[in-house]
C-alpha atoms as a PDB file:
ATOM      1  CA  MET A   1     -16.350   0.120   7.983  1.00  0.00           C
ATOM      2  CA  ILE A   2     -12.827   0.854   8.312  1.00  0.00           C
ATOM      3  CA  PHE A   3     -10.984  -2.242   6.536  1.00  0.00           C
ATOM      4  CA  GLU A   4     -12.925  -4.936   4.680  1.00  0.00           C
ATOM      5  CA  LYS A   5     -11.533  -8.400   4.949  1.00  0.00           C
ATOM      6  CA  LEU A   6     -10.835 -10.333   1.768  1.00  0.00           C
ATOM      7  CA  PRO A   7     -11.190 -13.940   0.845  1.00  0.00           C
ATOM      8  CA  PHE A   8      -7.493 -14.653   0.933  1.00  0.00           C
ATOM      9  CA  GLN A   9      -5.349 -16.525   3.396  1.00  0.00           C
ATOM     10  CA  PHE A  10      -1.514 -16.286   3.012  1.00  0.00           C
ATOM     11  CA  ASP A  11       1.332 -17.901   4.961  1.00  0.00           C
ATOM     12  CA  VAL A  12       2.687 -14.963   7.057  1.00  0.00           C
ATOM     13  CA  GLU A  13       5.665 -17.079   8.163  1.00  0.00           C
ATOM     14  CA  LYS A  14       6.791 -17.597   4.507  1.00  0.00           C
ATOM     15  CA  LEU A  15       6.428 -14.007   4.004  1.00  0.00           C
ATOM     16  CA  ARG A  16       8.632 -13.299   7.086  1.00  0.00           C
ATOM     17  CA  SER A  17      11.082 -15.655   5.969  1.00  0.00           C
ATOM     18  CA  HIS A  18      11.267 -13.883   2.511  1.00  0.00           C
ATOM     19  CA  LEU A  19      11.757 -10.568   4.284  1.00  0.00           C
ATOM     20  CA  ARG A  20      14.647 -11.755   6.309  1.00  0.00           C
ATOM     21  CA  GLU A  21      16.477 -13.723   3.343  1.00  0.00           C
ATOM     22  CA  ALA A  22      15.679 -11.657   0.223  1.00  0.00           C
ATOM     23  CA  VAL A  23      14.388  -8.234   1.420  1.00  0.00           C
ATOM     24  CA  PHE A  24      16.345  -7.102   4.530  1.00  0.00           C
ATOM     25  CA  PRO A  25      19.835  -7.444   2.800  1.00  0.00           C
ATOM     26  CA  HIS A  26      18.659  -4.259   0.838  1.00  0.00           C
ATOM     27  CA  PRO A  27      18.695  -1.059   2.899  1.00  0.00           C
ATOM     28  CA  PRO A  28      15.111   0.324   3.068  1.00  0.00           C
ATOM     29  CA  HIS A  29      14.230   3.187   0.886  1.00  0.00           C
ATOM     30  CA  MET A  30      13.415   6.019   3.503  1.00  0.00           C
ATOM     31  CA  VAL A  31      11.340   9.073   2.550  1.00  0.00           C
ATOM     32  CA  GLY A  32      11.230  10.341   6.197  1.00  0.00           C
ATOM     33  CA  ASN A  33      12.346   9.635   9.642  1.00  0.00           C
ATOM     34  CA  PHE A  34       9.956   6.770  10.068  1.00  0.00           C
ATOM     35  CA  PHE A  35       8.271   5.706   6.879  1.00  0.00           C
ATOM     36  CA  GLY A  36       9.902   4.011   3.894  1.00  0.00           C
ATOM     37  CA  GLY A  37      10.450   0.454   2.573  1.00  0.00           C
ATOM     38  CA  TRP A  38      10.855  -1.770  -0.704  1.00  0.00           C
ATOM     39  CA  SER A  39       9.129  -1.551  -3.784  1.00  0.00           C
ATOM     40  CA  VAL A  40       7.718  -4.804  -5.148  1.00  0.00           C
ATOM     41  CA  THR A  41       6.607  -3.623  -8.519  1.00  0.00           C
ATOM     42  CA  SER A  42       7.954  -0.308  -9.811  1.00  0.00           C
ATOM     43  CA  SER A  43       8.211   1.513 -13.090  1.00  0.00           C
ATOM     44  CA  ASN A  44      11.915   0.478 -13.772  1.00  0.00           C
ATOM     45  CA  GLY A  45      12.400  -2.559 -11.579  1.00  0.00           C
ATOM     46  CA  SER A  46      14.122  -0.891  -8.748  1.00  0.00           C
ATOM     47  CA  TYR A  47      12.949  -1.323  -5.141  1.00  0.00           C
ATOM     48  CA  LYS A  48      13.666   2.416  -4.733  1.00  0.00           C
ATOM     49  CA  ASP A  49      11.566   3.757  -7.289  1.00  0.00           C
ATOM     50  CA  GLY A  50       7.992   4.780  -6.881  1.00  0.00           C
ATOM     51  CA  TRP A  51       8.054   6.490  -3.456  1.00  0.00           C
ATOM     52  CA  ALA A  52       6.841   9.851  -4.497  1.00  0.00           C
ATOM     53  CA  SER A  53       3.785  10.860  -2.322  1.00  0.00           C
ATOM     54  CA  GLY A  54       0.498  12.004  -3.834  1.00  0.00           C
ATOM     55  CA  GLU A  55      -0.426  13.892  -0.688  1.00  0.00           C
ATOM     56  CA  LYS A  56       0.575  17.197  -1.930  1.00  0.00           C
ATOM     57  CA  ALA A  57      -1.698  16.924  -4.821  1.00  0.00           C
ATOM     58  CA  MET A  58      -4.696  16.989  -2.562  1.00  0.00           C
ATOM     59  CA  ASP A  59      -3.855  20.344  -1.144  1.00  0.00           C
ATOM     60  CA  PRO A  60      -6.106  22.799  -2.967  1.00  0.00           C
ATOM     61  CA  SER A  61      -3.309  25.675  -2.844  1.00  0.00           C
ATOM     62  CA  PHE A  62      -0.950  23.367  -4.826  1.00  0.00           C
ATOM     63  CA  MET A  63      -1.138  24.121  -8.568  1.00  0.00           C
ATOM     64  CA  PRO A  64      -4.837  25.661  -8.478  1.00  0.00           C
ATOM     65  CA  GLY A  65      -6.578  25.124 -11.806  1.00  0.00           C
ATOM     66  CA  SER A  66      -4.476  22.110 -12.832  1.00  0.00           C
ATOM     67  CA  THR A  67      -5.882  18.833 -13.286  1.00  0.00           C
ATOM     68  CA  LEU A  68      -5.011  15.906 -10.983  1.00  0.00           C
ATOM     69  CA  ALA A  69      -2.903  14.316 -13.515  1.00  0.00           C
ATOM     70  CA  GLU A  70      -1.014  17.542 -14.054  1.00  0.00           C
ATOM     71  CA  LYS A  71      -0.403  17.672 -10.335  1.00  0.00           C
ATOM     72  CA  TYR A  72       0.933  14.088 -10.020  1.00  0.00           C
ATOM     73  CA  ARG A  73       3.256  14.647 -12.997  1.00  0.00           C
ATOM     74  CA  ALA A  74       4.597  17.787 -11.208  1.00  0.00           C
ATOM     75  CA  ILE A  75       5.425  15.723  -8.160  1.00  0.00           C
ATOM     76  CA  GLY A  76       6.742  12.912 -10.004  1.00  0.00           C
ATOM     77  CA  ILE A  77       3.953  10.163  -9.957  1.00  0.00           C
ATOM     78  CA  LEU A  78       3.184   8.269 -12.958  1.00  0.00           C
ATOM     79  CA  LYS A  79      -0.115   6.462 -13.835  1.00  0.00           C
ATOM     80  CA  PRO A  80      -0.424   3.404 -11.768  1.00  0.00           C
ATOM     81  CA  SER A  81      -0.269   1.054 -14.709  1.00  0.00           C
ATOM     82  CA  GLU A  82       3.345   2.055 -15.126  1.00  0.00           C
ATOM     83  CA  TYR A  83       4.338   0.534 -11.691  1.00  0.00           C
ATOM     84  CA  ARG A  84       3.971  -3.009 -12.717  1.00  0.00           C
ATOM     85  CA  HIS A  85       7.528  -4.283 -13.233  1.00  0.00           C
ATOM     86  CA  PRO A  86       8.866  -6.732 -10.540  1.00  0.00           C
ATOM     87  CA  THR A  87      11.727  -5.524  -8.636  1.00  0.00           C
ATOM     88  CA  GLU A  88      14.626  -7.375  -7.171  1.00  0.00           C
ATOM     89  CA  VAL A  89      12.754  -8.370  -3.966  1.00  0.00           C
ATOM     90  CA  CYS A  90       9.683  -9.798  -6.091  1.00  0.00           C
ATOM     91  CA  PHE A  91      10.474 -13.626  -6.410  1.00  0.00           C
ATOM     92  CA  GLY A  92       9.670 -16.703  -4.480  1.00  0.00           C
ATOM     93  CA  TYR A  93       6.722 -16.717  -2.254  1.00  0.00           C
ATOM     94  CA  LEU A  94       6.118 -13.052  -2.461  1.00  0.00           C
ATOM     95  CA  LYS A  95       5.498 -13.378  -6.083  1.00  0.00           C
ATOM     96  CA  GLU A  96       3.105 -16.091  -5.595  1.00  0.00           C
ATOM     97  CA  VAL A  97       1.257 -13.868  -3.222  1.00  0.00           C
ATOM     98  CA  MET A  98       1.237 -11.061  -5.791  1.00  0.00           C
ATOM     99  CA  ASP A  99       0.322 -13.571  -8.619  1.00  0.00           C
ATOM    100  CA  GLU A 100      -2.671 -14.961  -6.513  1.00  0.00           C
ATOM    101  CA  ILE A 101      -3.982 -11.481  -5.893  1.00  0.00           C
ATOM    102  CA  GLY A 102      -3.550 -10.906  -9.621  1.00  0.00           C
ATOM    103  CA  GLU A 103      -5.406 -13.930 -10.574  1.00  0.00           C
ATOM    104  CA  ALA A 104      -8.078 -13.280  -8.486  1.00  0.00           C
ATOM    105  CA  GLY A 105      -8.829 -10.131 -10.512  1.00  0.00           C
ATOM    106  CA  PHE A 106      -7.511  -7.283  -8.444  1.00  0.00           C
ATOM    107  CA  ASN A 107      -4.904  -6.334 -10.896  1.00  0.00           C
ATOM    108  CA  PRO A 108      -2.301  -5.186  -8.216  1.00  0.00           C
ATOM    109  CA  LEU A 109      -0.137  -2.120  -9.171  1.00  0.00           C
ATOM    110  CA  ARG A 110       2.534  -0.023  -7.407  1.00  0.00           C
ATOM    111  CA  ALA A 111       2.812  -2.806  -4.571  1.00  0.00           C
ATOM    112  CA  ARG A 112       5.480  -2.289  -1.800  1.00  0.00           C
ATOM    113  CA  LEU A 113       6.663  -3.730   1.300  1.00  0.00           C
ATOM    114  CA  SER A 114       5.872  -0.523   3.537  1.00  0.00           C
ATOM    115  CA  LEU A 115       7.838   0.195   6.604  1.00  0.00           C
ATOM    116  CA  LEU A 116       6.598   2.154   9.453  1.00  0.00           C
ATOM    117  CA  LYS A 117       9.314   2.444  12.180  1.00  0.00           C
ATOM    118  CA  ALA A 118       8.622   2.034  15.865  1.00  0.00           C
ATOM    119  CA  LYS A 119       7.106   5.275  17.475  1.00  0.00           C
ATOM    120  CA  GLY A 120       6.357   6.547  13.916  1.00  0.00           C
ATOM    121  CA  SER A 121       3.238   7.952  12.425  1.00  0.00           C
ATOM    122  CA  SER A 122       1.958   9.568   9.133  1.00  0.00           C
ATOM    123  CA  THR A 123       0.619  12.847   8.570  1.00  0.00           C
ATOM    124  CA  LEU A 124      -3.173  12.983   8.583  1.00  0.00           C
ATOM    125  CA  HIS A 125      -3.867  12.842   4.476  1.00  0.00           C
ATOM    126  CA  ARG A 126      -5.697  11.436   1.641  1.00  0.00           C
ATOM    127  CA  ASP A 127      -4.416   9.749  -1.547  1.00  0.00           C
ATOM    128  CA  ALA A 128      -7.233  10.782  -3.729  1.00  0.00           C
ATOM    129  CA  PRO A 129     -10.172  13.038  -3.981  1.00  0.00           C
ATOM    130  CA  ASP A 130     -13.592  12.005  -2.772  1.00  0.00           C
ATOM    131  CA  ASP A 131     -15.077  11.183  -6.224  1.00  0.00           C
ATOM    132  CA  ARG A 132     -11.986   9.056  -7.464  1.00  0.00           C
ATOM    133  CA  TYR A 133     -12.009   5.258  -6.868  1.00  0.00           C
ATOM    134  CA  SER A 134      -9.056   4.675  -4.515  1.00  0.00           C
ATOM    135  CA  VAL A 135      -8.373   1.505  -2.647  1.00  0.00           C
ATOM    136  CA  ARG A 136      -5.400  -0.195  -1.194  1.00  0.00           C
ATOM    137  CA  LEU A 137      -4.919  -3.712  -0.202  1.00  0.00           C
ATOM    138  CA  HIS A 138      -2.901  -4.312   3.126  1.00  0.00           C
ATOM    139  CA  LEU A 139      -1.307  -7.640   4.190  1.00  0.00           C
ATOM    140  CA  PRO A 140       0.185  -7.140   7.456  1.00  0.00           C
ATOM    141  CA  ILE A 141       3.527  -9.255   7.685  1.00  0.00           C
ATOM    142  CA  ILE A 142       5.059  -7.643  10.850  1.00  0.00           C
ATOM    143  CA  THR A 143       3.103  -5.594  13.309  1.00  0.00           C
ATOM    144  CA  ASN A 144       2.153  -5.128  16.900  1.00  0.00           C
ATOM    145  CA  GLU A 145      -0.986  -4.389  18.672  1.00  0.00           C
ATOM    146  CA  HIS A 146      -0.146  -0.674  18.929  1.00  0.00           C
ATOM    147  CA  CYS A 147      -0.334  -0.083  15.233  1.00  0.00           C
ATOM    148  CA  LYS A 148      -3.535   1.550  14.361  1.00  0.00           C
ATOM    149  CA  PHE A 149      -5.191   2.878  11.206  1.00  0.00           C
ATOM    150  CA  VAL A 150      -7.336   5.878  11.987  1.00  0.00           C
ATOM    151  CA  CYS A 151     -10.241   7.574   9.887  1.00  0.00           C
ATOM    152  CA  GLU A 152     -13.633   9.132  10.402  1.00  0.00           C
ATOM    153  CA  ASP A 153     -14.977   5.633  11.276  1.00  0.00           C
ATOM    154  CA  GLY A 154     -12.813   5.104  14.027  1.00  0.00           C
ATOM    155  CA  SER A 155      -9.469   3.249  14.516  1.00  0.00           C
ATOM    156  CA  ALA A 156      -8.293  -0.164  13.868  1.00  0.00           C
ATOM    157  CA  HIS A 157      -5.415  -2.689  14.067  1.00  0.00           C
ATOM    158  CA  ILE A 158      -5.051  -5.414  11.501  1.00  0.00           C
ATOM    159  CA  PRO A 159      -3.165  -8.593  13.094  1.00  0.00           C
ATOM    160  CA  ALA A 160      -0.539 -10.269  10.899  1.00  0.00           C
ATOM    161  CA  ASP A 161      -2.452 -13.558  10.713  1.00  0.00           C
ATOM    162  CA  GLY A 162      -2.216 -14.128   6.891  1.00  0.00           C
ATOM    163  CA  SER A 163      -5.378 -12.035   5.958  1.00  0.00           C
ATOM    164  CA  ALA A 164      -5.685  -9.203   3.440  1.00  0.00           C
ATOM    165  CA  HIS A 165      -7.729  -6.215   3.736  1.00  0.00           C
ATOM    166  CA  LEU A 166      -9.200  -3.334   1.616  1.00  0.00           C
ATOM    167  CA  VAL A 167      -8.946   0.242   2.706  1.00  0.00           C
ATOM    168  CA  ARG A 168     -10.402   3.445   1.076  1.00  0.00           C
ATOM    169  CA  VAL A 169      -7.649   6.000   0.954  1.00  0.00           C
ATOM    170  CA  ASN A 170      -9.902   8.719  -0.798  1.00  0.00           C
ATOM    171  CA  ARG A 171     -10.657   9.812   2.692  1.00  0.00           C
ATOM    172  CA  PRO A 172      -8.540  11.556   5.459  1.00  0.00           C
ATOM    173  CA  HIS A 173      -6.683   8.795   7.294  1.00  0.00           C
ATOM    174  CA  GLN A 174      -3.600   8.493   9.288  1.00  0.00           C
ATOM    175  CA  VAL A 175      -1.289   5.603  10.632  1.00  0.00           C
ATOM    176  CA  PHE A 176       0.314   5.268  13.962  1.00  0.00           C
ATOM    177  CA  ASN A 177       3.009   2.937  15.251  1.00  0.00           C
ATOM    178  CA  ASN A 178       3.245   3.520  18.974  1.00  0.00           C
ATOM    179  CA  GLY A 179       4.768  -0.010  19.465  1.00  0.00           C
ATOM    180  CA  ASP A 180       8.357  -0.662  20.251  1.00  0.00           C
ATOM    181  CA  THR A 181       8.831  -2.804  17.131  1.00  0.00           C
ATOM    182  CA  ASP A 182       8.692  -1.761  13.313  1.00  0.00           C
ATOM    183  CA  ARG A 183       5.632  -2.414  11.325  1.00  0.00           C
ATOM    184  CA  ILE A 184       5.906  -3.721   7.795  1.00  0.00           C
ATOM    185  CA  HIS A 185       2.819  -4.294   5.535  1.00  0.00           C
ATOM    186  CA  LEU A 186       2.432  -5.573   1.904  1.00  0.00           C
ATOM    187  CA  ILE A 187       0.511  -2.798   0.414  1.00  0.00           C
ATOM    188  CA  MET A 188      -0.681  -2.205  -3.317  1.00  0.00           C
ATOM    189  CA  GLU A 189      -3.202  -0.234  -5.212  1.00  0.00           C
ATOM    190  CA  VAL A 190      -5.905  -2.759  -6.593  1.00  0.00           C
ATOM    191  CA  TYR A 191      -8.949  -2.653  -8.966  1.00  0.00           C
ATOM    192  CA  ASP A 192     -11.612  -5.087  -8.037  1.00  0.00           C
ATOM    193  CA  THR A 193     -12.635  -6.544 -11.419  1.00  0.00           C
ATOM    194  CA  LYS A 194     -14.670  -9.738 -10.374  1.00  0.00           C
ATOM    195  CA  HIS A 195     -16.713  -8.012  -7.423  1.00  0.00           C
ATOM    196  CA  LEU A 196     -15.147  -9.785  -4.613  1.00  0.00           C
ATOM    197  CA  SER A 197     -15.560  -6.751  -2.334  1.00  0.00           C
ATOM    198  CA  THR A 198     -18.016  -4.116  -1.769  1.00  0.00           C
ATOM    199  CA  HIS A 199     -15.482  -1.784  -3.592  1.00  0.00           C
ATOM    200  CA  HIS A 200     -16.353  -2.451  -7.143  1.00  0.00           C
ATOM    201  CA  ARG A 201     -14.316  -0.637  -9.856  1.00  0.00           C
ATOM    202  CA  TYR A 202     -15.360  -2.371 -13.039  1.00  0.00           C
ATOM    203  CA  PRO A 203     -18.893  -3.743 -13.947  1.00  0.00           C
ATOM    204  CA  LYS A 204     -18.969  -7.617 -14.646  1.00  0.00           C
ATOM    205  CA  THR A 205     -18.785  -8.774 -17.982  1.00  0.00           C
END
């Protein structure tokens, strides 16, 4: 299974309107030629905060003998719980979406509007080791049929139809946008506290 569809349905046209009116007036924070975006929750309330990548920490040659937490600190990545402050783009319908996901028990953290520009791709990477729980929620807002998520289970495209999906990011994966238009997903780290998915993090109480 590449993605797991969650029991949510959002108004993607309202999200697109929010992008046009409240997000696009802010220049995206780019961390490469093709990748960047706007943080929805960050450690200091700025949409430019929280874009350091943990990919380097997965390289065995980086700081051998150090713990994962030590590697993250060296890269400049804080604990996920520190990326919870709403930024200047997190209001209106976008905040309603975040609140609904939180009320469902997913405890959303480090949320961002992730931009992958046309003809761009990520490197093949993983965001956590095999034995560490690490899933992200993806809610496509603007996409095209040539956007693909690729992992050992195959490749898949998620349409921007208002649905949300979980993906495990503790395994090697890569994202491609071979289309002529940019792709924007709302992405966040989540912890399923109510067992609405097959990726459980906490036991039910």
